[in-house]
Protein backbone atom coordinates (compact mmCIF):
# COMPACT_ATOMS: atom_id res chain seq x y z
CA MET A 1 52.38 -43.03 60.17
CA HIS A 2 49.87 -44.07 57.92
CA SER A 3 50.56 -42.78 54.44
CA LEU A 4 48.01 -41.73 52.26
CA SER A 5 46.69 -44.72 50.04
CA ILE A 6 44.36 -44.53 46.75
CA PRO A 7 41.52 -46.17 48.21
CA VAL A 8 41.46 -44.05 51.31
CA LEU A 9 41.71 -40.90 49.08
CA LEU A 10 39.39 -42.14 46.91
CA LEU A 11 36.57 -42.87 49.53
CA VAL A 12 37.66 -39.21 51.49
CA GLY A 13 37.25 -37.48 48.54
CA ALA A 14 33.73 -38.79 47.70
CA GLY A 15 32.44 -37.99 51.10
CA ILE A 16 33.77 -34.48 50.31
CA LEU A 17 32.23 -33.97 46.97
CA VAL A 18 28.90 -35.14 48.11
CA PHE A 19 29.09 -32.52 50.85
CA ALA A 20 30.34 -29.83 48.18
CA GLY A 21 27.47 -30.70 46.50
CA LEU A 22 24.93 -30.18 48.75
CA ARG A 23 26.41 -27.17 50.22
CA LEU A 24 27.02 -25.31 46.97
CA ALA A 25 23.56 -26.08 46.34
CA ALA A 26 22.35 -24.50 49.35
CA LEU A 27 24.62 -21.56 49.08
CA LEU A 28 23.12 -20.97 45.19
CA LEU A 29 19.68 -20.27 46.84
CA PHE A 30 20.87 -17.43 48.53
CA PHE A 31 23.34 -16.39 45.55
CA GLN A 32 20.02 -16.43 43.49
CA GLN A 33 18.18 -14.30 45.49
CA GLU A 34 21.03 -11.81 45.36
CA GLU A 35 20.40 -11.77 41.63
CA TYR A 36 23.98 -13.71 40.97
CA ASP A 37 25.68 -10.38 42.29
CA GLY A 38 28.92 -11.83 43.79
CA ARG A 39 29.96 -8.34 45.42
CA ARG A 40 26.12 -8.41 47.38
CA PHE A 41 26.45 -12.05 48.43
CA LEU A 42 30.09 -12.50 49.59
CA HIS A 43 29.19 -9.13 51.97
CA TRP A 44 25.93 -11.38 52.98
CA VAL A 45 27.90 -14.43 53.69
CA ARG A 46 30.30 -11.99 55.82
CA ALA A 47 27.45 -10.19 57.33
CA SER A 48 25.14 -12.97 58.06
CA GLY A 49 27.61 -15.22 59.26
CA ALA A 50 27.07 -17.94 56.80
CA ARG A 51 30.51 -19.52 56.59
CA ASP A 52 30.84 -23.10 57.55
CA ARG A 53 31.58 -23.69 61.36
CA TRP A 54 30.25 -27.11 62.08
CA THR A 55 32.17 -29.37 59.14
CA SER A 56 35.08 -27.24 59.41
CA LEU A 57 35.15 -27.47 63.30
CA ALA A 58 34.88 -31.31 62.90
CA ALA A 59 37.63 -31.37 60.61
CA ALA A 60 40.04 -29.52 62.75
CA VAL A 61 39.70 -32.20 65.60
CA GLY A 62 40.04 -34.64 63.02
CA LEU A 63 43.26 -33.27 61.55
CA VAL A 64 44.83 -32.75 65.19
CA LEU A 65 43.96 -36.33 65.80
CA GLY A 66 45.37 -37.45 62.58
CA PHE A 67 49.06 -35.94 63.46
CA SER A 68 48.78 -38.95 66.18
CA PRO A 69 51.47 -42.01 65.39
CA ARG A 70 48.71 -43.87 66.86
CA PRO A 71 46.05 -46.20 64.63
CA TRP A 72 42.90 -45.94 66.61
CA ALA A 73 43.72 -41.67 66.42
CA GLN A 74 43.67 -42.05 62.60
CA VAL A 75 40.41 -43.84 63.14
CA MET A 76 38.82 -41.57 65.23
CA GLY A 77 40.18 -38.38 63.15
CA LEU A 78 38.33 -39.80 60.08
CA ALA A 79 35.26 -40.80 62.14
CA MET A 80 35.15 -37.24 63.07
CA ILE A 81 35.60 -35.67 59.70
CA ALA A 82 33.04 -38.04 58.36
CA PHE A 83 30.99 -36.90 61.19
CA GLY A 84 31.18 -33.42 60.37
CA LEU A 85 30.66 -33.97 56.67
CA ALA A 86 27.21 -35.76 57.75
CA GLU A 87 26.10 -32.75 59.78
CA GLY A 88 27.29 -30.34 56.98
CA GLY A 89 25.55 -32.23 54.26
CA ARG A 90 22.13 -32.70 56.81
CA ARG A 91 22.35 -28.58 57.13
CA SER A 92 22.46 -28.02 53.76
CA LEU A 93 19.52 -29.87 52.94
CA LEU A 94 17.60 -28.44 55.71
CA VAL A 95 18.15 -24.86 54.04
CA LEU A 96 16.76 -26.09 50.87
CA ARG A 97 13.67 -27.93 52.25
CA ARG A 98 12.70 -24.95 54.27
CA ALA A 99 13.55 -22.58 51.67
CA LYS A 100 10.68 -19.87 51.67
CA LYS A 101 11.41 -19.09 48.01
CA PRO A 102 12.76 -22.73 46.77
CA LEU A 103 16.08 -22.60 44.59
CA ARG A 104 14.78 -22.86 41.17
CA MET A 105 17.39 -24.84 38.86
CA THR A 106 16.92 -22.73 35.62
CA ALA A 107 19.79 -23.29 33.07
CA ARG A 108 21.98 -20.44 34.56
CA ALA A 109 21.75 -21.75 37.89
CA ARG A 110 22.74 -25.06 36.61
CA ARG A 111 25.86 -24.20 34.56
CA ILE A 112 26.98 -22.22 37.91
CA LEU A 113 26.38 -25.38 39.92
CA GLY A 114 28.00 -27.52 37.75
CA LEU A 115 31.08 -25.45 37.33
CA ALA A 116 31.27 -24.70 40.99
CA PHE A 117 31.36 -28.77 41.70
CA LEU A 118 33.90 -28.93 38.97
CA LEU A 119 36.15 -26.51 40.56
CA ALA A 120 35.94 -28.23 44.31
CA LEU A 121 36.81 -31.48 42.42
CA LEU A 122 39.69 -29.76 41.19
CA GLU A 123 40.36 -28.52 44.47
CA LEU A 124 40.66 -31.55 45.94
CA VAL A 125 42.41 -33.58 43.19
CA GLY A 126 45.51 -31.06 43.30
CA LEU A 127 45.13 -31.12 47.31
CA GLY A 128 45.15 -35.03 47.10
CA LEU A 129 48.41 -34.95 44.30
CA ALA A 130 50.00 -32.46 46.41
CA PHE A 131 49.84 -34.63 49.68
CA ARG A 132 51.01 -37.63 48.03
CA LEU A 133 54.13 -35.77 46.96
CA LEU A 134 54.68 -34.19 49.96
CA GLY A 135 54.33 -37.11 52.02
CA GLY A 136 55.47 -37.40 56.06
CA GLN A 137 52.72 -36.31 58.35
CA LEU A 138 50.61 -34.34 55.64
CA SER A 139 49.88 -37.72 53.86
CA ALA A 140 48.02 -39.23 56.95
CA PRO A 141 44.71 -40.01 55.86
CA ALA A 142 42.96 -38.13 58.76
CA VAL A 143 45.39 -34.88 58.25
CA ALA A 144 44.72 -34.82 54.22
CA ALA A 145 41.15 -35.35 55.00
CA GLY A 146 40.59 -32.64 58.00
CA VAL A 147 42.38 -30.19 55.30
CA MET A 148 40.56 -30.89 51.94
CA THR A 149 37.12 -30.51 54.03
CA MET A 150 38.13 -27.40 55.56
CA ILE A 151 39.34 -25.72 52.47
CA VAL A 152 36.24 -27.00 50.28
CA ALA A 153 33.84 -25.98 53.33
CA GLN A 154 35.11 -22.84 53.64
CA THR A 155 35.62 -22.01 49.74
CA ALA A 156 32.08 -22.69 48.70
CA PRO A 157 30.89 -19.44 48.82
CA TRP A 158 34.23 -18.05 46.50
CA LEU A 159 33.84 -21.52 43.99
CA LEU A 160 30.03 -20.08 42.92
CA THR A 161 31.49 -16.47 42.56
CA ALA A 162 34.45 -17.59 40.55
CA ALA A 163 32.27 -20.09 38.44
CA ASN A 164 29.60 -16.95 37.66
CA MET A 165 32.27 -14.96 36.88
CA LEU A 166 34.32 -17.56 34.58
CA LEU A 167 30.77 -18.19 32.94
CA MET A 168 30.34 -14.47 32.16
CA PRO A 169 31.48 -14.45 28.54
CA VAL A 170 29.08 -17.81 27.87
CA GLU A 171 26.04 -15.62 29.90
CA ARG A 172 26.54 -12.31 27.75
CA ARG A 173 26.43 -14.77 24.27
CA ILE A 174 23.38 -16.03 25.78
CA GLN A 175 21.83 -12.77 26.67
CA GLN A 176 22.54 -11.31 23.92
CA ARG A 177 20.87 -13.51 21.69
CA TYR A 178 17.76 -13.45 23.62
CA ARG A 179 17.94 -9.72 23.64
CA LYS A 180 18.39 -9.67 19.95
CA GLU A 181 15.33 -11.86 19.65
CA ALA A 182 13.32 -9.62 22.20
CA THR A 183 14.12 -6.36 20.02
CA THR A 184 13.12 -8.21 16.90
CA ARG A 185 9.70 -9.07 18.25
CA LEU A 186 9.55 -5.56 19.81
CA ALA A 187 10.14 -3.78 16.60
CA ALA A 188 7.82 -5.98 14.82
CA VAL A 189 4.56 -5.45 17.38
CA ASP A 190 5.71 -1.77 17.71
CA PRO A 191 3.52 -1.27 20.76
CA PHE A 192 3.35 2.16 22.54
CA ILE A 193 5.97 2.10 25.38
CA VAL A 194 5.21 3.50 29.00
CA GLY A 195 8.39 3.52 31.48
CA ILE A 196 7.80 3.49 34.98
CA THR A 197 10.42 4.00 37.83
CA GLY A 198 10.35 5.28 41.17
CA SER A 199 12.06 4.36 44.65
CA PHE A 200 8.08 3.01 45.57
CA GLY A 201 4.71 3.21 43.96
CA LYS A 202 5.97 1.29 40.72
CA THR A 203 4.09 -1.98 40.72
CA SER A 204 0.83 -0.66 42.09
CA THR A 205 0.75 2.22 39.27
CA LYS A 206 1.97 -0.28 36.83
CA HIS A 207 -1.32 -2.37 37.54
CA ILE A 208 -3.79 0.41 37.83
CA LEU A 209 -2.72 1.82 34.22
CA GLY A 210 -2.54 -1.52 32.92
CA HIS A 211 -6.22 -2.08 33.84
CA LEU A 212 -7.03 1.43 32.84
CA LEU A 213 -5.53 1.14 29.33
CA ASP A 214 -7.40 -1.95 28.57
CA GLY A 215 -9.88 -0.19 28.15
CA LEU A 216 -7.96 1.61 25.15
CA GLY A 217 -6.66 -1.96 23.55
CA PRO A 218 -5.05 -4.82 24.62
CA THR A 219 -2.21 -4.02 27.22
CA LEU A 220 0.66 -5.76 28.76
CA ILE A 221 2.11 -5.28 31.55
CA THR A 222 5.53 -6.84 33.22
CA PRO A 223 3.99 -9.17 35.97
CA GLY A 224 4.64 -9.09 39.46
CA SER A 225 7.84 -6.96 39.95
CA VAL A 226 9.77 -7.89 36.94
CA ASN A 227 11.79 -4.79 36.36
CA THR A 228 15.67 -6.08 35.23
CA GLU A 229 16.51 -6.37 31.99
CA MET A 230 16.74 -10.15 31.52
CA GLY A 231 13.32 -10.03 33.17
CA ILE A 232 11.79 -7.55 30.24
CA VAL A 233 13.80 -9.62 27.63
CA ARG A 234 11.84 -12.81 28.66
CA ILE A 235 8.67 -11.34 29.23
CA ILE A 236 8.84 -9.85 25.42
CA ARG A 237 10.09 -13.23 24.19
CA GLU A 238 7.30 -15.04 25.72
CA ARG A 239 4.09 -13.09 25.90
CA LEU A 240 4.41 -10.00 23.36
CA GLU A 241 1.84 -10.53 20.67
CA PRO A 242 0.70 -8.49 17.57
CA ARG A 243 -2.52 -7.81 19.38
CA HIS A 244 -0.78 -5.73 22.10
CA ARG A 245 -1.15 -1.85 21.24
CA PHE A 246 0.44 -0.94 24.83
CA PHE A 247 3.43 -2.51 26.45
CA ILE A 248 3.92 -1.10 30.47
CA VAL A 249 7.34 -1.56 32.05
CA GLU A 250 8.65 -1.61 35.34
CA MET A 251 12.19 -0.27 35.20
CA GLY A 252 14.19 -1.02 38.57
CA ALA A 253 17.25 1.06 39.19
CA TYR A 254 20.50 -0.85 40.42
CA GLY A 255 22.47 1.75 40.07
CA GLU A 256 23.29 4.82 38.04
CA GLY A 257 22.68 3.36 33.96
CA SER A 258 20.55 0.73 34.58
CA ILE A 259 17.17 2.79 33.60
CA THR A 260 19.62 3.86 30.74
CA ARG A 261 19.88 0.05 29.53
CA LEU A 262 16.28 -0.83 30.13
CA CYS A 263 15.66 2.28 28.08
CA ARG A 264 17.28 1.38 24.98
CA LEU A 265 15.78 -2.44 25.08
CA THR A 266 12.25 -0.77 25.46
CA PRO A 267 12.42 2.73 24.19
CA PRO A 268 9.39 4.49 26.48
CA ARG A 269 7.57 7.47 24.45
CA LEU A 270 5.81 8.10 28.07
CA GLY A 271 7.28 8.07 31.55
CA ILE A 272 6.33 7.90 35.10
CA LEU A 273 8.14 8.68 37.93
CA THR A 274 6.17 7.78 40.98
CA ALA A 275 8.73 8.61 43.75
CA VAL A 276 12.61 9.53 44.69
CA GLY A 277 13.10 8.07 48.28
CA GLU A 278 15.35 6.08 50.73
CA ALA A 279 13.53 2.76 49.79
CA HIS A 280 16.64 1.42 48.37
CA TYR A 281 19.16 3.62 50.15
CA GLU A 282 21.65 0.93 50.68
CA ARG A 283 22.58 0.31 46.92
CA PHE A 284 22.39 4.42 46.05
CA ARG A 285 23.73 5.83 49.18
CA SER A 286 22.58 9.41 48.75
CA LEU A 287 19.21 10.82 47.35
CA GLU A 288 20.89 13.00 44.51
CA THR A 289 22.11 9.62 43.49
CA VAL A 290 19.29 8.14 43.57
CA ALA A 291 17.58 10.97 41.58
CA ARG A 292 19.85 10.60 38.97
CA ALA A 293 19.45 7.29 38.16
CA LYS A 294 15.53 7.64 38.28
CA MET A 295 15.79 10.75 35.94
CA GLU A 296 17.33 8.54 33.50
CA LEU A 297 13.91 7.73 32.09
CA ALA A 298 13.01 11.46 32.15
CA GLU A 299 15.97 11.95 29.54
CA ALA A 300 15.12 8.72 27.21
CA VAL A 301 11.19 10.18 27.14
CA TRP A 302 12.28 13.63 26.26
CA SER A 303 14.79 12.55 23.63
CA ALA A 304 11.87 10.42 22.06
CA GLY A 305 9.64 13.84 22.30
CA GLY A 306 7.33 12.23 25.11
CA ALA A 307 6.39 13.84 28.37
CA LEU A 308 7.18 12.71 31.97
CA ILE A 309 4.57 12.28 34.42
CA ALA A 310 5.91 12.89 37.77
CA VAL A 311 4.42 12.60 41.42
CA ILE A 312 5.92 15.72 43.14
CA ASP A 313 5.07 15.01 46.44
CA GLY A 314 6.65 11.76 46.21
CA ILE A 315 10.26 13.24 45.52
CA ALA A 316 12.22 13.80 48.55
CA ASP A 317 15.15 15.29 46.71
CA SER A 318 14.49 18.93 46.91
CA ALA A 319 16.29 19.80 44.05
CA LEU A 320 14.83 17.70 41.47
CA ARG A 321 11.40 18.30 43.31
CA GLN A 322 11.68 22.36 42.69
CA LYS A 323 12.82 22.09 39.00
CA LEU A 324 10.08 19.54 38.28
CA LEU A 325 7.59 21.70 39.88
CA MET A 326 8.84 24.72 38.31
CA GLY A 327 8.85 23.23 34.80
CA SER A 328 12.60 24.19 34.50
CA CYS A 329 13.56 20.51 32.43
CA ALA A 330 14.53 19.85 29.11
CA GLY A 331 11.42 18.33 28.25
CA ARG A 332 7.57 18.30 29.12
CA VAL A 333 6.51 17.29 32.33
CA ILE A 334 2.76 16.28 33.90
CA ARG A 335 2.77 17.35 37.32
CA VAL A 336 0.92 15.34 39.62
CA GLY A 337 0.93 16.83 43.59
CA SER A 338 -0.83 18.55 46.19
CA MET A 339 0.26 22.08 44.73
CA GLU A 340 -1.49 24.26 43.14
CA ALA A 341 0.97 24.27 39.83
CA CYS A 342 0.21 20.39 39.55
CA GLU A 343 -1.96 19.71 36.45
CA TRP A 344 -3.39 16.59 38.43
CA ARG A 345 -4.05 17.85 42.05
CA LEU A 346 -4.88 15.54 44.78
CA LEU A 347 -7.35 17.20 47.43
CA GLY A 348 -7.82 14.86 49.98
CA GLN A 349 -8.73 11.06 50.24
CA GLU A 350 -10.93 8.86 52.59
CA GLU A 351 -10.58 5.27 53.53
CA ASP A 352 -13.23 2.57 54.88
CA GLU A 353 -13.41 -1.16 54.83
CA GLU A 354 -14.49 -0.78 50.67
CA GLY A 355 -11.40 0.97 49.84
CA LEU A 356 -10.57 4.36 48.54
CA ALA A 357 -12.40 7.87 47.97
CA VAL A 358 -10.10 10.38 46.30
CA ASP A 359 -11.00 13.79 45.92
CA LEU A 360 -8.84 15.80 42.89
CA VAL A 361 -8.84 18.40 40.41
CA THR A 362 -8.26 17.18 36.76
CA PRO A 363 -6.41 19.09 34.01
CA THR A 364 -9.33 20.80 33.12
CA GLY A 365 -9.98 22.43 36.47
CA GLU A 366 -12.73 20.21 37.33
CA ARG A 367 -13.45 18.84 41.08
CA THR A 368 -14.41 15.50 41.24
CA ARG A 369 -14.46 12.46 43.36
CA TRP A 370 -13.21 8.70 42.28
CA ARG A 371 -13.86 5.63 43.93
CA LEU A 372 -11.66 2.30 43.60
CA PRO A 373 -11.93 -0.79 45.53
CA ILE A 374 -8.35 -0.78 46.68
CA HIS A 375 -6.70 0.12 50.44
CA GLY A 376 -3.76 2.35 51.14
CA ARG A 377 -3.84 6.21 51.43
CA HIS A 378 -1.02 6.11 49.56
CA GLN A 379 -2.53 4.64 46.33
CA ALA A 380 -4.06 7.92 45.86
CA TRP A 381 -0.80 9.10 44.25
CA ASN A 382 -0.32 5.83 42.26
CA LEU A 383 -4.17 6.51 40.70
CA LEU A 384 -3.36 9.98 39.84
CA ALA A 385 -0.28 8.63 38.10
CA ALA A 386 -1.99 6.37 36.13
CA ALA A 387 -4.82 8.29 35.58
CA ALA A 388 -2.65 10.73 34.15
CA ALA A 389 -0.93 8.36 31.49
CA ALA A 390 -4.55 7.14 30.52
CA HIS A 391 -5.38 10.56 29.75
CA GLU A 392 -2.57 11.65 28.24
CA LEU A 393 -3.01 8.35 25.88
CA GLY A 394 -6.30 9.70 24.81
CA MET A 395 -8.55 8.02 27.57
CA PRO A 396 -11.75 10.50 28.55
CA LEU A 397 -11.95 11.05 32.48
CA PRO A 398 -15.69 9.93 32.54
CA ALA A 399 -14.10 6.04 31.38
CA ILE A 400 -11.39 6.53 33.37
CA ALA A 401 -13.82 6.89 36.54
CA GLY A 402 -15.79 4.27 35.32
CA ALA A 403 -13.25 1.88 35.25
CA LEU A 404 -12.01 2.39 38.57
CA SER A 405 -15.11 0.38 40.20
CA SER A 406 -13.48 -2.97 38.49
CA LEU A 407 -10.25 -2.48 39.86
CA ARG A 408 -8.97 -5.33 41.93
CA PRO A 409 -6.13 -5.12 44.38
CA VAL A 410 -2.68 -6.37 43.55
CA ALA A 411 -1.87 -9.83 45.77
CA HIS A 412 0.16 -9.23 48.82
CA ARG A 413 -0.18 -5.60 48.42
CA LEU A 414 -2.49 -4.09 51.13
CA ALA A 415 -5.26 -6.80 49.86
CA VAL A 416 -8.14 -6.93 52.64
CA THR A 417 -9.93 -10.02 53.16
CA ARG A 418 -11.96 -11.66 56.12
CA SER A 419 -10.96 -15.20 57.14
CA ALA A 420 -13.67 -17.97 58.07
CA ALA A 421 -13.07 -17.22 61.70
CA GLY A 422 -13.63 -13.45 61.34
CA VAL A 423 -10.63 -12.07 61.53
CA THR A 424 -9.56 -9.06 59.09
CA ILE A 425 -6.38 -9.68 57.52
CA ILE A 426 -4.28 -7.02 55.80
CA ASP A 427 -1.97 -8.67 53.41
CA ASP A 428 0.86 -6.36 52.80
CA ALA A 429 3.77 -8.91 52.57
CA TYR A 430 5.10 -8.45 49.39
CA ASN A 431 7.58 -5.83 50.33
CA SER A 432 7.59 -2.89 52.47
CA ASN A 433 9.21 0.78 52.36
CA PRO A 434 8.74 3.64 55.02
CA GLU A 435 5.71 5.24 53.28
CA GLY A 436 3.96 2.08 52.49
CA PHE A 437 4.38 0.96 55.97
CA ARG A 438 3.14 4.03 57.49
CA ALA A 439 -0.08 3.93 55.22
CA ALA A 440 -0.56 0.12 56.24
CA LEU A 441 -0.72 1.12 59.73
CA ASP A 442 -3.06 3.90 59.21
CA LEU A 443 -5.28 1.33 57.72
CA LEU A 444 -4.85 -1.10 60.27
CA ASP A 445 -5.54 1.67 63.00
CA ARG A 446 -8.66 2.75 61.04
CA LEU A 447 -10.34 -0.66 60.60
CA GLY A 448 -9.23 -2.11 64.11
CA ARG A 449 -10.99 0.98 65.61
CA ALA A 450 -14.04 0.65 63.06
CA GLY A 451 -14.57 -3.10 64.23
CA LYS A 452 -13.41 -2.85 68.10
CA GLY A 453 -11.14 -5.77 67.56
CA ARG A 454 -7.43 -6.08 68.49
CA ARG A 455 -4.89 -4.24 65.92
CA ILE A 456 -2.36 -6.73 65.58
CA LEU A 457 0.95 -6.32 63.21
CA LEU A 458 3.17 -8.80 62.15
CA THR A 459 6.85 -7.40 60.91
CA PRO A 460 9.87 -8.88 59.85
CA GLY A 461 10.74 -4.96 59.16
CA MET A 462 12.39 -3.62 55.93
CA VAL A 463 15.66 -4.03 54.06
CA GLU A 464 17.89 -2.45 51.59
CA LEU A 465 17.62 0.76 53.40
CA GLY A 466 21.65 1.14 54.04
CA ALA A 467 22.56 3.88 56.75
CA ARG A 468 18.90 5.16 57.12
CA HIS A 469 17.37 1.56 58.46
CA ASP A 470 17.77 2.47 62.15
CA GLU A 471 16.50 5.87 61.80
CA ALA A 472 13.56 4.77 59.65
CA HIS A 473 13.14 1.70 61.94
CA HIS A 474 12.61 3.70 64.97
CA ALA A 475 10.53 6.35 63.47
CA LEU A 476 8.02 4.02 62.20
CA GLY A 477 8.37 2.08 65.38
CA SER A 478 7.13 5.16 67.36
CA TYR A 479 4.53 6.21 64.53
CA ALA A 480 3.30 2.39 65.32
CA ALA A 481 3.02 2.74 69.15
CA ALA A 482 -0.37 4.41 69.42
CA ARG A 483 -1.70 2.24 66.12
CA VAL A 484 -0.83 -1.14 67.19
CA ASP A 485 -1.73 -3.32 70.34
CA ILE A 486 0.09 -6.39 69.44
CA ALA A 487 3.25 -6.58 67.53
CA LEU A 488 4.48 -9.75 66.55
CA LEU A 489 8.57 -8.87 65.59
CA VAL A 490 10.09 -11.76 62.97
CA ARG A 491 13.72 -11.64 63.67
CA PRO A 492 13.86 -8.65 65.77
CA ASP A 493 17.43 -8.74 66.20
CA ARG A 494 17.65 -7.23 62.71
CA PHE A 495 15.33 -4.06 62.97
CA ALA A 496 15.84 -3.57 67.25
CA ARG A 497 15.31 0.13 66.70
CA PHE A 498 12.03 -0.60 65.99
CA GLU A 499 11.13 -2.18 68.80
CA GLU A 500 12.52 0.89 70.80
CA GLY A 501 10.65 2.99 68.83
CA LEU A 502 7.30 0.92 69.86
CA ARG A 503 8.42 1.02 73.84
CA ALA A 504 8.93 4.34 73.38
CA GLY A 505 5.10 5.47 73.53
CA GLU A 506 3.10 6.00 76.33
CA GLU A 507 3.32 3.48 79.08
CA ASP A 508 -0.38 3.01 78.71
CA ARG A 509 -0.18 2.68 74.81
CA THR A 510 3.14 0.13 74.67
CA PRO A 511 1.98 -2.79 72.53
CA GLN A 512 2.37 -6.49 73.55
CA ILE A 513 5.46 -7.56 71.79
CA HIS A 514 6.36 -10.98 70.74
CA HIS A 515 9.52 -12.19 69.14
CA PHE A 516 9.57 -15.14 66.50
CA ALA A 517 12.87 -16.62 64.65
CA ARG A 518 10.72 -17.32 61.23
CA GLN A 519 7.38 -15.44 59.58
CA ALA A 520 6.09 -19.52 59.83
CA GLU A 521 6.01 -19.20 63.80
CA ALA A 522 4.40 -15.65 63.74
CA GLU A 523 1.39 -16.87 61.55
CA ALA A 524 1.07 -20.23 63.57
CA TRP A 525 0.51 -18.10 66.44
CA LEU A 526 -1.88 -16.04 65.10
CA LYS A 527 -4.08 -18.88 63.96
CA VAL A 528 -4.02 -19.92 67.45
CA HIS A 529 -4.61 -16.72 69.31
CA ALA A 530 -6.45 -14.39 66.79
CA ARG A 531 -10.18 -13.92 67.45
CA ALA A 532 -13.44 -12.66 65.52
CA GLY A 533 -13.13 -8.75 65.24
CA ASP A 534 -9.43 -8.70 65.22
CA VAL A 535 -7.36 -6.62 62.28
CA VAL A 536 -4.11 -8.38 61.31
CA LEU A 537 -1.77 -6.36 59.25
CA ILE A 538 1.32 -8.25 57.55
CA GLU A 539 3.55 -5.84 56.81
CA ASN A 540 6.48 -7.75 54.58
CA ASN A 541 7.45 -10.86 54.29
CA LEU A 542 11.35 -11.34 53.70
CA PRO A 543 13.06 -14.15 51.49
CA ASP A 544 15.50 -16.50 52.90
CA LEU A 545 18.35 -14.39 52.51
CA HIS A 546 17.48 -12.01 55.49
CA GLU A 547 14.78 -13.95 57.56
CA ALA A 548 16.73 -16.89 57.73
CA PRO A 549 20.50 -16.89 57.01
CA PRO A 550 21.94 -20.52 57.59
CA HIS A 551 23.92 -21.94 60.61
CA PHE A 552 26.70 -23.99 58.68
């Protein structure tokens, strides 16, 4: 039996460390997309099958060969392990190179990766010393190499989460310093802060309001969908200037207490609640929990003597809807909705290729029609919420109506363009929720019928619906059946009930259905098959975390 010599140990260790570095970097890509939430990341590893297979299988074969006393078996075992490490490294590199959202090597990412690599190194050193001390068959090169390879390959996700946990004290100190800088700057500038939260509609409402308030004074909005504490801190530190009169903050809720923390950081004097629905049901488990989390904004605004603007029709929790509608709250509520009791009342809306025409009743009782060059019937609610806020801050109604003509659609949120080939593209790829998906299907149907072209839907489905996932997808599939001619489904195994809904329609209305493993493949199909007059809806574009779980 061959004992484990120092040169062999070092050579094997070096190969495993190269593999470990690549595998940890590939997994860090997904850990980052889970916002460094260890519990959710490890759940994703189990649910998506992202555990190592190929390298561990090769290492297991090499380990078995290593128990043979024959020299050739040791050589074959080590060769098999080397192949497994090379293949595992190749697959890890492939994940990094194909990523739709590349790994961002921020300072925090470098710290986590560096410490996780150090933990892998300590793991190897400890195992190597143990094998040398134990001797016997365990010190055979292929046996030791096989065990070390399997342990490192299987523990890589836990090494990342362990590194993140060990670094928490460091991260807290760094974040506290950044928070202090942000609060100091915020106090010095002292803008009027408007907080916006809701299960959906936050980002669109924020952009409409930002556009309107620019007419009253310089306005800063949190860009894109930045809505977490440290994301907002970064925007304050990097973008808030003395000239800014207004600061519009999108506030995301990732659990009860999230919005309370954001309100402590950026105390709002006016709040907007766009919706309470099932868009993030996976995190909250019940509508009541969603409602409590979202109403943390109201509590902060009311404690500052401000008002809450609430879109009543967007609140699925009946108890909260009734409470807001009846005005039995601890503070002032400005109601937006279709009911007579609402200060801002939506009468109806019409949509064409140019955008929306919204009929409403203003707080003065005036009936009017406003036009805005954006699409999606659900945007009428976002418009009224933003208009209510601008009016509350002193913007006259004629000025609001006039500013809407220069409004531009938010990128990837029902943005309608026409390609050089004459294909109309409805780009709603940024995100998706049941209400937005339904409105996008209505637009697809309307534009498709107007142009007499084929109505083509490309979608990977929705995420974060928890227990409502299947039910919501089946309902939308049924709704889409009469509004879609061709359905391009990305990772249809993720949302099989959507296809069931599509096929449940009348036989002569069932769309053509095509399956794709990746969004890029569906987009390539469009380039070949879409023709002039067709209307294409791109509904959602999932990150690698959901679209392309790795096959390690």
